PDB file of all heavy atoms in Angstrom:
ATOM      1  N   LYS A   1    -117.464  91.925-146.147  1.00  0.00           N
ATOM      2  CA  LYS A   1    -118.048  93.227-145.810  1.00  0.00           C
ATOM      3  C   LYS A   1    -119.545  93.229-146.116  1.00  0.00           C
ATOM      4  O   LYS A   1    -120.341  93.847-145.394  1.00  0.00           O
ATOM      5  CB  LYS A   1    -117.353  94.342-146.593  1.00  0.00           C
ATOM      6  CG  LYS A   1    -117.813  95.742-146.201  1.00  0.00           C
ATOM      7  CD  LYS A   1    -117.016  96.803-146.938  1.00  0.00           C
ATOM      8  CE  LYS A   1    -117.480  98.196-146.524  1.00  0.00           C
ATOM      9  NZ  LYS A   1    -116.710  99.256-147.250  1.00  0.00           N
ATOM     10  N   MET A   2    -119.940  92.512-147.189  1.00  0.00           N
ATOM     11  CA  MET A   2    -121.361  92.419-147.525  1.00  0.00           C
ATOM     12  C   MET A   2    -122.075  91.426-146.629  1.00  0.00           C
ATOM     13  O   MET A   2    -123.214  91.649-146.214  1.00  0.00           O
ATOM     14  CB  MET A   2    -121.525  92.025-149.007  1.00  0.00           C
ATOM     15  CG  MET A   2    -121.024  93.060-149.993  1.00  0.00           C
ATOM     16  SD  MET A   2    -121.425  92.646-151.705  1.00  0.00           S
ATOM     17  CE  MET A   2    -120.460  91.142-151.944  1.00  0.00           C
ATOM     18  N   ASN A   3    -121.432  90.292-146.344  1.00  0.00           N
ATOM     19  CA  ASN A   3    -122.017  89.275-145.465  1.00  0.00           C
ATOM     20  C   ASN A   3    -120.923  88.729-144.556  1.00  0.00           C
ATOM     21  O   ASN A   3    -120.141  87.868-144.970  1.00  0.00           O
ATOM     22  CB  ASN A   3    -122.644  88.142-146.260  1.00  0.00           C
ATOM     23  CG  ASN A   3    -123.332  87.127-145.347  1.00  0.00           C
ATOM     24  OD1 ASN A   3    -123.377  87.308-144.134  1.00  0.00           O
ATOM     25  ND2 ASN A   3    -123.861  86.067-145.933  1.00  0.00           N
ATOM     26  N   PRO A   4    -120.853  89.203-143.333  1.00  0.00           N
ATOM     27  CA  PRO A   4    -119.812  88.750-142.404  1.00  0.00           C
ATOM     28  C   PRO A   4    -119.824  87.247-142.169  1.00  0.00           C
ATOM     29  O   PRO A   4    -118.803  86.672-141.783  1.00  0.00           O
ATOM     30  CB  PRO A   4    -120.143  89.511-141.118  1.00  0.00           C
ATOM     31  CG  PRO A   4    -120.902  90.716-141.569  1.00  0.00           C
ATOM     32  CD  PRO A   4    -121.699  90.257-142.756  1.00  0.00           C
ATOM     33  N   ALA A   5    -120.963  86.596-142.391  1.00  0.00           N
ATOM     34  CA  ALA A   5    -121.041  85.146-142.197  1.00  0.00           C
ATOM     35  C   ALA A   5    -120.383  84.380-143.328  1.00  0.00           C
ATOM     36  O   ALA A   5    -120.151  83.177-143.216  1.00  0.00           O
ATOM     37  CB  ALA A   5    -122.501  84.713-142.057  1.00  0.00           C
ATOM     38  N   GLY A   6    -120.118  85.037-144.451  1.00  0.00           N
ATOM     39  CA  GLY A   6    -119.449  84.382-145.563  1.00  0.00           C
ATOM     40  C   GLY A   6    -120.297  83.385-146.310  1.00  0.00           C
ATOM     41  O   GLY A   6    -119.772  82.421-146.874  1.00  0.00           O
ATOM     42  N   LEU A   7    -121.616  83.600-146.329  1.00  0.00           N
ATOM     43  CA  LEU A   7    -122.522  82.675-146.995  1.00  0.00           C
ATOM     44  C   LEU A   7    -123.190  83.317-148.203  1.00  0.00           C
ATOM     45  O   LEU A   7    -123.302  84.545-148.284  1.00  0.00           O
ATOM     46  CB  LEU A   7    -123.620  82.210-146.008  1.00  0.00           C
ATOM     47  CG  LEU A   7    -123.131  81.481-144.750  1.00  0.00           C
ATOM     48  CD1 LEU A   7    -124.291  81.220-143.816  1.00  0.00           C
ATOM     49  CD2 LEU A   7    -122.422  80.186-145.117  1.00  0.00           C
ATOM     50  N   VAL A   8    -123.628  82.480-149.144  1.00  0.00           N
ATOM     51  CA  VAL A   8    -124.391  82.938-150.298  1.00  0.00           C
ATOM     52  C   VAL A   8    -125.848  82.555-150.106  1.00  0.00           C
ATOM     53  O   VAL A   8    -126.154  81.601-149.380  1.00  0.00           O
ATOM     54  CB  VAL A   8    -123.823  82.332-151.601  1.00  0.00           C
ATOM     55  CG1 VAL A   8    -122.446  82.878-151.887  1.00  0.00           C
ATOM     56  CG2 VAL A   8    -123.805  80.797-151.563  1.00  0.00           C
ATOM     57  N   PRO A   9    -126.771  83.307-150.745  1.00  0.00           N
ATOM     58  CA  PRO A   9    -126.539  84.402-151.668  1.00  0.00           C
ATOM     59  C   PRO A   9    -126.366  85.745-150.955  1.00  0.00           C
ATOM     60  O   PRO A   9    -126.760  85.914-149.806  1.00  0.00           O
ATOM     61  CB  PRO A   9    -127.830  84.429-152.485  1.00  0.00           C
ATOM     62  CG  PRO A   9    -128.886  84.043-151.483  1.00  0.00           C
ATOM     63  CD  PRO A   9    -128.221  82.983-150.630  1.00  0.00           C
ATOM     64  N   VAL A  10    -125.790  86.664-151.710  1.00  0.00           N
ATOM     65  CA  VAL A  10    -125.783  88.076-151.355  1.00  0.00           C
ATOM     66  C   VAL A  10    -126.336  88.835-152.544  1.00  0.00           C
ATOM     67  O   VAL A  10    -126.036  88.490-153.693  1.00  0.00           O
ATOM     68  CB  VAL A  10    -124.364  88.571-151.018  1.00  0.00           C
ATOM     69  CG1 VAL A  10    -124.325  90.090-150.940  1.00  0.00           C
ATOM     70  CG2 VAL A  10    -123.877  87.971-149.709  1.00  0.00           C
ATOM     71  N   MET A  11    -127.162  89.811-152.277  1.00  0.00           N
ATOM     72  CA  MET A  11    -127.709  90.653-153.341  1.00  0.00           C
ATOM     73  C   MET A  11    -127.381  92.107-153.055  1.00  0.00           C
ATOM     74  O   MET A  11    -127.465  92.557-151.906  1.00  0.00           O
ATOM     75  CB  MET A  11    -129.235  90.509-153.436  1.00  0.00           C
ATOM     76  CG  MET A  11    -129.851  91.289-154.594  1.00  0.00           C
ATOM     77  SD  MET A  11    -131.543  91.852-154.243  1.00  0.00           S
ATOM     78  CE  MET A  11    -131.238  93.105-153.000  1.00  0.00           C
ATOM     79  N   LYS A  12    -127.006  92.822-154.091  1.00  0.00           N
ATOM     80  CA  LYS A  12    -126.795  94.259-153.996  1.00  0.00           C
ATOM     81  C   LYS A  12    -127.704  94.937-155.005  1.00  0.00           C
ATOM     82  O   LYS A  12    -127.696  94.600-156.187  1.00  0.00           O
ATOM     83  CB  LYS A  12    -125.332  94.616-154.288  1.00  0.00           C
ATOM     84  CG  LYS A  12    -125.002  96.087-154.052  1.00  0.00           C
ATOM     85  CD  LYS A  12    -123.508  96.341-154.225  1.00  0.00           C
ATOM     86  CE  LYS A  12    -123.196  97.798-153.944  1.00  0.00           C
ATOM     87  NZ  LYS A  12    -121.747  98.088-154.153  1.00  0.00           N
ATOM     88  N   ASP A  13    -128.500  95.853-154.531  1.00  0.00           N
ATOM     89  CA  ASP A  13    -129.412  96.617-155.390  1.00  0.00           C
ATOM     90  C   ASP A  13    -129.132  98.084-155.122  1.00  0.00           C
ATOM     91  O   ASP A  13    -129.655  98.670-154.169  1.00  0.00           O
ATOM     92  CB  ASP A  13    -130.870  96.277-155.059  1.00  0.00           C
ATOM     93  CG  ASP A  13    -131.853  96.957-156.012  1.00  0.00           C
ATOM     94  OD1 ASP A  13    -131.403  97.646-156.945  1.00  0.00           O
ATOM     95  OD2 ASP A  13    -133.066  96.797-155.815  1.00  0.00           O
ATOM     96  N   GLY A  14    -128.278  98.682-155.960  1.00  0.00           N
ATOM     97  CA  GLY A  14    -127.835 100.044-155.688  1.00  0.00           C
ATOM     98  C   GLY A  14    -126.975 100.051-154.434  1.00  0.00           C
ATOM     99  O   GLY A  14    -125.960  99.373-154.356  1.00  0.00           O
ATOM    100  N   THR A  15    -127.424 100.771-153.401  1.00  0.00           N
ATOM    101  CA  THR A  15    -126.668 100.824-152.145  1.00  0.00           C
ATOM    102  C   THR A  15    -127.178  99.815-151.119  1.00  0.00           C
ATOM    103  O   THR A  15    -126.585  99.675-150.050  1.00  0.00           O
ATOM    104  CB  THR A  15    -126.759 102.228-151.535  1.00  0.00           C
ATOM    105  OG1 THR A  15    -128.130 102.550-151.277  1.00  0.00           O
ATOM    106  CG2 THR A  15    -126.158 103.272-152.481  1.00  0.00           C
ATOM    107  N   LEU A  16    -128.257  99.117-151.434  1.00  0.00           N
ATOM    108  CA  LEU A  16    -128.827  98.136-150.510  1.00  0.00           C
ATOM    109  C   LEU A  16    -128.142  96.790-150.675  1.00  0.00           C
ATOM    110  O   LEU A  16    -128.047  96.266-151.781  1.00  0.00           O
ATOM    111  CB  LEU A  16    -130.327  97.980-150.765  1.00  0.00           C
ATOM    112  CG  LEU A  16    -131.038  96.879-149.963  1.00  0.00           C
ATOM    113  CD1 LEU A  16    -131.053  97.216-148.469  1.00  0.00           C
ATOM    114  CD2 LEU A  16    -132.455  96.667-150.480  1.00  0.00           C
ATOM    115  N   VAL A  17    -127.707  96.208-149.564  1.00  0.00           N
ATOM    116  CA  VAL A  17    -127.092  94.885-149.568  1.00  0.00           C
ATOM    117  C   VAL A  17    -127.905  93.978-148.647  1.00  0.00           C
ATOM    118  O   VAL A  17    -128.161  94.320-147.488  1.00  0.00           O
ATOM    119  CB  VAL A  17    -125.630  94.937-149.093  1.00  0.00           C
ATOM    120  CG1 VAL A  17    -125.051  93.524-149.006  1.00  0.00           C
ATOM    121  CG2 VAL A  17    -124.789  95.802-150.023  1.00  0.00           C
ATOM    122  N   LEU A  18    -128.301  92.812-149.160  1.00  0.00           N
ATOM    123  CA  LEU A  18    -129.046  91.823-148.390  1.00  0.00           C
ATOM    124  C   LEU A  18    -128.353  90.473-148.489  1.00  0.00           C
ATOM    125  O   LEU A  18    -127.814  90.139-149.550  1.00  0.00           O
ATOM    126  CB  LEU A  18    -130.478  91.696-148.911  1.00  0.00           C
ATOM    127  CG  LEU A  18    -131.391  92.923-148.774  1.00  0.00           C
ATOM    128  CD1 LEU A  18    -132.721  92.651-149.462  1.00  0.00           C
ATOM    129  CD2 LEU A  18    -131.617  93.273-147.319  1.00  0.00           C
ATOM    130  N   PHE A  19    -128.411  89.686-147.399  1.00  0.00           N
ATOM    131  CA  PHE A  19    -127.758  88.375-147.441  1.00  0.00           C
ATOM    132  C   PHE A  19    -128.600  87.235-146.899  1.00  0.00           C
ATOM    133  O   PHE A  19    -128.072  86.177-146.606  1.00  0.00           O
ATOM    134  CB  PHE A  19    -126.407  88.408-146.729  1.00  0.00           C
ATOM    135  CG  PHE A  19    -126.424  88.882-145.302  1.00  0.00           C
ATOM    136  CD1 PHE A  19    -126.903  88.090-144.279  1.00  0.00           C
ATOM    137  CD2 PHE A  19    -125.930  90.141-144.982  1.00  0.00           C
ATOM    138  CE1 PHE A  19    -126.897  88.521-142.967  1.00  0.00           C
ATOM    139  CE2 PHE A  19    -125.908  90.591-143.673  1.00  0.00           C
ATOM    140  CZ  PHE A  19    -126.391  89.777-142.662  1.00  0.00           C
ATOM    141  N   GLU A  20    -129.897  87.366-146.774  1.00  0.00           N
ATOM    142  CA  GLU A  20    -130.776  86.248-146.442  1.00  0.00           C
ATOM    143  C   GLU A  20    -131.668  85.973-147.651  1.00  0.00           C
ATOM    144  O   GLU A  20    -132.319  86.891-148.171  1.00  0.00           O
ATOM    145  CB  GLU A  20    -131.630  86.562-145.216  1.00  0.00           C
ATOM    146  CG  GLU A  20    -130.891  86.419-143.894  1.00  0.00           C
ATOM    147  CD  GLU A  20    -130.551  84.975-143.577  1.00  0.00           C
ATOM    148  OE1 GLU A  20    -131.295  84.072-144.008  1.00  0.00           O
ATOM    149  OE2 GLU A  20    -129.533  84.748-142.897  1.00  0.00           O
ATOM    150  N   SER A  21    -131.733  84.717-148.096  1.00  0.00           N
ATOM    151  CA  SER A  21    -132.423  84.409-149.348  1.00  0.00           C
ATOM    152  C   SER A  21    -133.886  84.823-149.335  1.00  0.00           C
ATOM    153  O   SER A  21    -134.389  85.389-150.316  1.00  0.00           O
ATOM    154  CB  SER A  21    -132.296  82.915-149.679  1.00  0.00           C
ATOM    155  OG  SER A  21    -132.849  82.113-148.642  1.00  0.00           O
ATOM    156  N   ASN A  22    -134.601  84.561-148.245  1.00  0.00           N
ATOM    157  CA  ASN A  22    -136.014  84.931-148.212  1.00  0.00           C
ATOM    158  C   ASN A  22    -136.197  86.451-148.214  1.00  0.00           C
ATOM    159  O   ASN A  22    -137.143  86.974-148.807  1.00  0.00           O
ATOM    160  CB  ASN A  22    -136.703  84.315-146.989  1.00  0.00           C
ATOM    161  CG  ASN A  22    -137.010  82.846-147.185  1.00  0.00           C
ATOM    162  OD1 ASN A  22    -136.699  82.266-148.225  1.00  0.00           O
ATOM    163  ND2 ASN A  22    -137.604  82.224-146.195  1.00  0.00           N
ATOM    164  N   ALA A  23    -135.294  87.163-147.540  1.00  0.00           N
ATOM    165  CA  ALA A  23    -135.350  88.624-147.564  1.00  0.00           C
ATOM    166  C   ALA A  23    -135.101  89.146-148.975  1.00  0.00           C
ATOM    167  O   ALA A  23    -135.737  90.110-149.425  1.00  0.00           O
ATOM    168  CB  ALA A  23    -134.330  89.207-146.592  1.00  0.00           C
ATOM    169  N   ILE A  24    -134.190  88.507-149.691  1.00  0.00           N
ATOM    170  CA  ILE A  24    -133.900  88.899-151.069  1.00  0.00           C
ATOM    171  C   ILE A  24    -135.130  88.685-151.944  1.00  0.00           C
ATOM    172  O   ILE A  24    -135.499  89.548-152.746  1.00  0.00           O
ATOM    173  CB  ILE A  24    -132.688  88.113-151.605  1.00  0.00           C
ATOM    174  CG1 ILE A  24    -131.412  88.545-150.871  1.00  0.00           C
ATOM    175  CG2 ILE A  24    -132.538  88.309-153.120  1.00  0.00           C
ATOM    176  CD1 ILE A  24    -130.211  87.669-151.158  1.00  0.00           C
ATOM    177  N   VAL A  25    -135.770  87.531-151.793  1.00  0.00           N
ATOM    178  CA  VAL A  25    -136.975  87.230-152.580  1.00  0.00           C
ATOM    179  C   VAL A  25    -138.051  88.284-152.316  1.00  0.00           C
ATOM    180  O   VAL A  25    -138.685  88.810-153.245  1.00  0.00           O
ATOM    181  CB  VAL A  25    -137.496  85.825-152.262  1.00  0.00           C
ATOM    182  CG1 VAL A  25    -138.867  85.591-152.904  1.00  0.00           C
ATOM    183  CG2 VAL A  25    -136.507  84.768-152.756  1.00  0.00           C
ATOM    184  N   ARG A  26    -138.267  88.621-151.055  1.00  0.00           N
ATOM    185  CA  ARG A  26    -139.296  89.607-150.711  1.00  0.00           C
ATOM    186  C   ARG A  26    -138.960  90.978-151.282  1.00  0.00           C
ATOM    187  O   ARG A  26    -139.844  91.689-151.785  1.00  0.00           O
ATOM    188  CB  ARG A  26    -139.457  89.683-149.196  1.00  0.00           C
ATOM    189  CG  ARG A  26    -140.081  88.444-148.578  1.00  0.00           C
ATOM    190  CD  ARG A  26    -140.247  88.631-147.068  1.00  0.00           C
ATOM    191  NE  ARG A  26    -140.914  87.500-146.474  1.00  0.00           N
ATOM    192  CZ  ARG A  26    -140.341  86.631-145.643  1.00  0.00           C
ATOM    193  NH1 ARG A  26    -139.062  86.772-145.316  1.00  0.00           N
ATOM    194  NH2 ARG A  26    -141.021  85.617-145.133  1.00  0.00           N
ATOM    195  N   HIS A  27    -137.698  91.369-151.201  1.00  0.00           N
ATOM    196  CA  HIS A  27    -137.302  92.671-151.742  1.00  0.00           C
ATOM    197  C   HIS A  27    -137.526  92.733-153.246  1.00  0.00           C
ATOM    198  O   HIS A  27    -138.076  93.721-153.762  1.00  0.00           O
ATOM    199  CB  HIS A  27    -135.835  92.957-151.437  1.00  0.00           C
ATOM    200  CG  HIS A  27    -135.305  94.143-152.183  1.00  0.00           C
ATOM    201  ND1 HIS A  27    -135.599  95.445-151.832  1.00  0.00           N
ATOM    202  CD2 HIS A  27    -134.525  94.232-153.306  1.00  0.00           C
ATOM    203  CE1 HIS A  27    -135.024  96.284-152.680  1.00  0.00           C
ATOM    204  NE2 HIS A  27    -134.366  95.568-153.581  1.00  0.00           N
ATOM    205  N   LEU A  28    -137.112  91.699-153.947  1.00  0.00           N
ATOM    206  CA  LEU A  28    -137.292  91.679-155.394  1.00  0.00           C
ATOM    207  C   LEU A  28    -138.760  91.764-155.769  1.00  0.00           C
ATOM    208  O   LEU A  28    -139.141  92.454-156.722  1.00  0.00           O
ATOM    209  CB  LEU A  28    -136.665  90.415-155.980  1.00  0.00           C
ATOM    210  CG  LEU A  28    -135.134  90.336-155.912  1.00  0.00           C
ATOM    211  CD1 LEU A  28    -134.655  88.935-156.272  1.00  0.00           C
ATOM    212  CD2 LEU A  28    -134.492  91.369-156.834  1.00  0.00           C
ATOM    213  N   ALA A  29    -139.593  91.086-154.995  1.00  0.00           N
ATOM    214  CA  ALA A  29    -141.032  91.112-155.266  1.00  0.00           C
ATOM    215  C   ALA A  29    -141.612  92.499-155.027  1.00  0.00           C
ATOM    216  O   ALA A  29    -142.411  93.002-155.832  1.00  0.00           O
ATOM    217  CB  ALA A  29    -141.748  90.095-154.394  1.00  0.00           C
ATOM    218  N   ARG A  30    -141.221  93.124-153.929  1.00  0.00           N
ATOM    219  CA  ARG A  30    -141.766  94.448-153.613  1.00  0.00           C
ATOM    220  C   ARG A  30    -141.318  95.508-154.603  1.00  0.00           C
ATOM    221  O   ARG A  30    -142.104  96.373-154.999  1.00  0.00           O
ATOM    222  CB  ARG A  30    -141.354  94.855-152.189  1.00  0.00           C
ATOM    223  CG  ARG A  30    -142.101  94.129-151.096  1.00  0.00           C
ATOM    224  CD  ARG A  30    -141.856  94.792-149.743  1.00  0.00           C
ATOM    225  NE  ARG A  30    -140.480  94.647-149.293  1.00  0.00           N
ATOM    226  CZ  ARG A  30    -140.069  93.696-148.456  1.00  0.00           C
ATOM    227  NH1 ARG A  30    -140.941  92.807-147.984  1.00  0.00           N
ATOM    228  NH2 ARG A  30    -138.804  93.633-148.081  1.00  0.00           N
ATOM    229  N   ARG A  31    -140.050  95.441-155.001  1.00  0.00           N
ATOM    230  CA  ARG A  31    -139.533  96.513-155.864  1.00  0.00           C
ATOM    231  C   ARG A  31    -139.781  96.276-157.344  1.00  0.00           C
ATOM    232  O   ARG A  31    -140.082  97.210-158.084  1.00  0.00           O
ATOM    233  CB  ARG A  31    -138.029  96.709-155.630  1.00  0.00           C
ATOM    234  CG  ARG A  31    -137.471  97.844-156.460  1.00  0.00           C
ATOM    235  CD  ARG A  31    -136.152  98.355-156.002  1.00  0.00           C
ATOM    236  NE  ARG A  31    -135.800  99.565-156.749  1.00  0.00           N
ATOM    237  CZ  ARG A  31    -134.632 100.184-156.655  1.00  0.00           C
ATOM    238  NH1 ARG A  31    -133.696  99.729-155.822  1.00  0.00           N
ATOM    239  NH2 ARG A  31    -134.394 101.261-157.368  1.00  0.00           N
ATOM    240  N   TYR A  32    -139.666  95.007-157.781  1.00  0.00           N
ATOM    241  CA  TYR A  32    -139.707  94.744-159.218  1.00  0.00           C
ATOM    242  C   TYR A  32    -140.831  93.793-159.652  1.00  0.00           C
ATOM    243  O   TYR A  32    -141.080  93.676-160.853  1.00  0.00           O
ATOM    244  CB  TYR A  32    -138.370  94.147-159.679  1.00  0.00           C
ATOM    245  CG  TYR A  32    -137.180  95.018-159.387  1.00  0.00           C
ATOM    246  CD1 TYR A  32    -136.279  94.685-158.373  1.00  0.00           C
ATOM    247  CD2 TYR A  32    -136.947  96.177-160.120  1.00  0.00           C
ATOM    248  CE1 TYR A  32    -135.174  95.485-158.100  1.00  0.00           C
ATOM    249  CE2 TYR A  32    -135.846  96.985-159.859  1.00  0.00           C
ATOM    250  CZ  TYR A  32    -134.969  96.640-158.841  1.00  0.00           C
ATOM    251  OH  TYR A  32    -133.873  97.430-158.570  1.00  0.00           O
ATOM    252  N   GLY A  33    -141.453  93.119-158.703  1.00  0.00           N
ATOM    253  CA  GLY A  33    -142.400  92.069-159.089  1.00  0.00           C
ATOM    254  C   GLY A  33    -143.835  92.333-158.696  1.00  0.00           C
ATOM    255  O   GLY A  33    -144.552  91.403-158.320  1.00  0.00           O
ATOM    256  N   ARG A  34    -144.266  93.570-158.798  1.00  0.00           N
ATOM    257  CA  ARG A  34    -145.620  93.908-158.356  1.00  0.00           C
ATOM    258  C   ARG A  34    -146.686  93.071-159.045  1.00  0.00           C
ATOM    259  O   ARG A  34    -147.658  92.644-158.415  1.00  0.00           O
ATOM    260  CB  ARG A  34    -145.883  95.396-158.604  1.00  0.00           C
ATOM    261  CG  ARG A  34    -147.255  95.858-158.143  1.00  0.00           C
ATOM    262  CD  ARG A  34    -147.424  97.349-158.315  1.00  0.00           C
ATOM    263  NE  ARG A  34    -148.735  97.786-157.847  1.00  0.00           N
ATOM    264  CZ  ARG A  34    -149.152  99.040-157.886  1.00  0.00           C
ATOM    265  NH1 ARG A  34    -148.362  99.993-158.356  1.00  0.00           N
ATOM    266  NH2 ARG A  34    -150.359  99.343-157.440  1.00  0.00           N
ATOM    267  N   THR A  35    -146.530  92.830-160.326  1.00  0.00           N
ATOM    268  CA  THR A  35    -147.544  92.071-161.070  1.00  0.00           C
ATOM    269  C   THR A  35    -147.132  90.629-161.337  1.00  0.00           C
ATOM    270  O   THR A  35    -147.929  89.858-161.877  1.00  0.00           O
ATOM    271  CB  THR A  35    -147.853  92.760-162.412  1.00  0.00           C
ATOM    272  OG1 THR A  35    -146.651  92.792-163.212  1.00  0.00           O
ATOM    273  CG2 THR A  35    -148.360  94.183-162.208  1.00  0.00           C
ATOM    274  N   THR A  36    -145.919  90.265-160.971  1.00  0.00           N
ATOM    275  CA  THR A  36    -145.419  88.937-161.321  1.00  0.00           C
ATOM    276  C   THR A  36    -145.076  88.064-160.116  1.00  0.00           C
ATOM    277  O   THR A  36    -145.132  86.838-160.205  1.00  0.00           O
ATOM    278  CB  THR A  36    -144.152  89.051-162.181  1.00  0.00           C
ATOM    279  OG1 THR A  36    -143.165  89.834-161.454  1.00  0.00           O
ATOM    280  CG2 THR A  36    -144.445  89.714-163.516  1.00  0.00           C
ATOM    281  N   LEU A  37    -144.713  88.669-159.000  1.00  0.00           N
ATOM    282  CA  LEU A  37    -144.184  87.905-157.882  1.00  0.00           C
ATOM    283  C   LEU A  37    -144.768  88.319-156.534  1.00  0.00           C
ATOM    284  O   LEU A  37    -144.955  87.478-155.656  1.00  0.00           O
ATOM    285  CB  LEU A  37    -142.653  88.044-157.846  1.00  0.00           C
ATOM    286  CG  LEU A  37    -141.875  87.216-156.824  1.00  0.00           C
ATOM    287  CD1 LEU A  37    -142.082  85.722-157.047  1.00  0.00           C
ATOM    288  CD2 LEU A  37    -140.378  87.550-156.906  1.00  0.00           C
TER     289      LEU A  37
END
């Protein structure tokens, strides 16, 4: 249900679900890594 392709990684941040690694990296940087990533 989170990733119909059945591949890892999958990330869930609250109600947001992402399943592409580069998209996950970008999201983490935008939301949590302003000064670090």
